[in-house]
Amino acid sequence: MAMAAHIHVKPEDHILTIQEAIEPVYNRLSLECEARIIDAAVRAGWSADEALAAIEDLRKRDVLESTH
């Protein structure tokens, strides 16, 4: 049975920042989530454009609320 090697790297030795490391996963999940929301809206009778506008409005609201 092979043993897994554990490599411990100190934060100051990282080549990437945490943001750079997670950005591809974050972007993929964000796109997947948006696609699911649009699909659900279209199945419920709204247009994709209406869904996109609603998503954009929610994002703007989140930004405004986070600055207060």
Protein backbone atom coordinates (compact mmCIF):
# COMPACT_ATOMS: atom_id res chain seq x y z
CA MET A 1 0.00 0.00 0.00
CA ALA A 2 1.54 3.30 -1.10
CA MET A 3 1.77 6.07 1.45
CA ALA A 4 0.79 9.56 0.40
CA ALA A 5 3.56 12.11 0.70
CA HIS A 6 2.66 15.24 2.62
CA ILE A 7 4.51 18.30 1.50
CA HIS A 8 4.26 21.29 3.79
CA VAL A 9 4.85 24.63 2.14
CA LYS A 10 4.96 27.78 4.20
CA PRO A 11 2.67 30.61 3.01
CA GLU A 12 5.67 32.82 2.21
CA ASP A 13 7.00 30.10 -0.13
CA HIS A 14 3.81 29.88 -2.22
CA ILE A 15 4.23 30.76 -5.87
CA LEU A 16 0.60 31.87 -6.22
CA THR A 17 -1.57 33.96 -3.98
CA ILE A 18 -4.71 32.31 -2.63
CA GLN A 19 -6.75 34.47 -4.99
CA GLU A 20 -4.74 33.28 -8.01
CA ALA A 21 -5.04 29.68 -6.86
CA ILE A 22 -8.82 29.68 -6.44
CA GLU A 23 -9.73 32.04 -9.29
CA PRO A 24 -10.21 29.31 -11.96
CA VAL A 25 -12.54 27.32 -9.69
CA TYR A 26 -14.40 30.46 -8.60
CA ASN A 27 -14.92 31.53 -12.22
CA ARG A 28 -16.08 28.08 -13.31
CA LEU A 29 -18.56 27.82 -10.44
CA SER A 30 -19.80 31.35 -11.04
CA LEU A 31 -20.51 30.60 -14.70
CA GLU A 32 -22.16 27.29 -13.82
CA CYS A 33 -24.36 28.98 -11.22
CA GLU A 34 -25.36 31.76 -13.62
CA ALA A 35 -26.23 29.20 -16.31
CA ARG A 36 -28.43 27.29 -13.87
CA ILE A 37 -30.22 30.46 -12.78
CA ILE A 38 -30.85 31.47 -16.40
CA ASP A 39 -32.07 27.97 -17.24
CA ALA A 40 -34.48 27.99 -14.30
CA ALA A 41 -35.78 31.45 -15.24
CA VAL A 42 -36.34 30.41 -18.85
CA ARG A 43 -38.15 27.24 -17.75
CA ALA A 44 -40.34 29.42 -15.51
CA GLY A 45 -41.32 31.62 -18.46
CA TRP A 46 -38.90 34.55 -18.35
CA SER A 47 -36.45 35.33 -21.12
CA ALA A 48 -32.71 34.83 -20.81
CA ASP A 49 -32.28 38.60 -21.17
CA GLU A 50 -34.64 39.19 -18.24
CA ALA A 51 -32.72 36.67 -16.16
CA LEU A 52 -29.39 38.30 -17.00
CA ALA A 53 -30.79 41.73 -16.11
CA ALA A 54 -32.05 40.40 -12.78
CA ILE A 55 -28.67 38.80 -12.02
CA GLU A 56 -26.91 42.07 -12.82
CA ASP A 57 -29.32 43.99 -10.57
CA LEU A 58 -28.63 41.55 -7.73
CA ARG A 59 -24.88 41.94 -8.20
CA LYS A 60 -25.20 45.74 -8.09
CA ARG A 61 -27.29 45.49 -4.93
CA ASP A 62 -24.71 43.22 -3.30
CA VAL A 63 -21.95 45.70 -4.10
CA LEU A 64 -23.96 48.60 -2.71
CA GLU A 65 -24.83 46.70 0.46
CA SER A 66 -21.25 45.62 1.03
CA THR A 67 -20.03 49.22 0.93
CA HIS A 68 -22.42 50.38 3.65
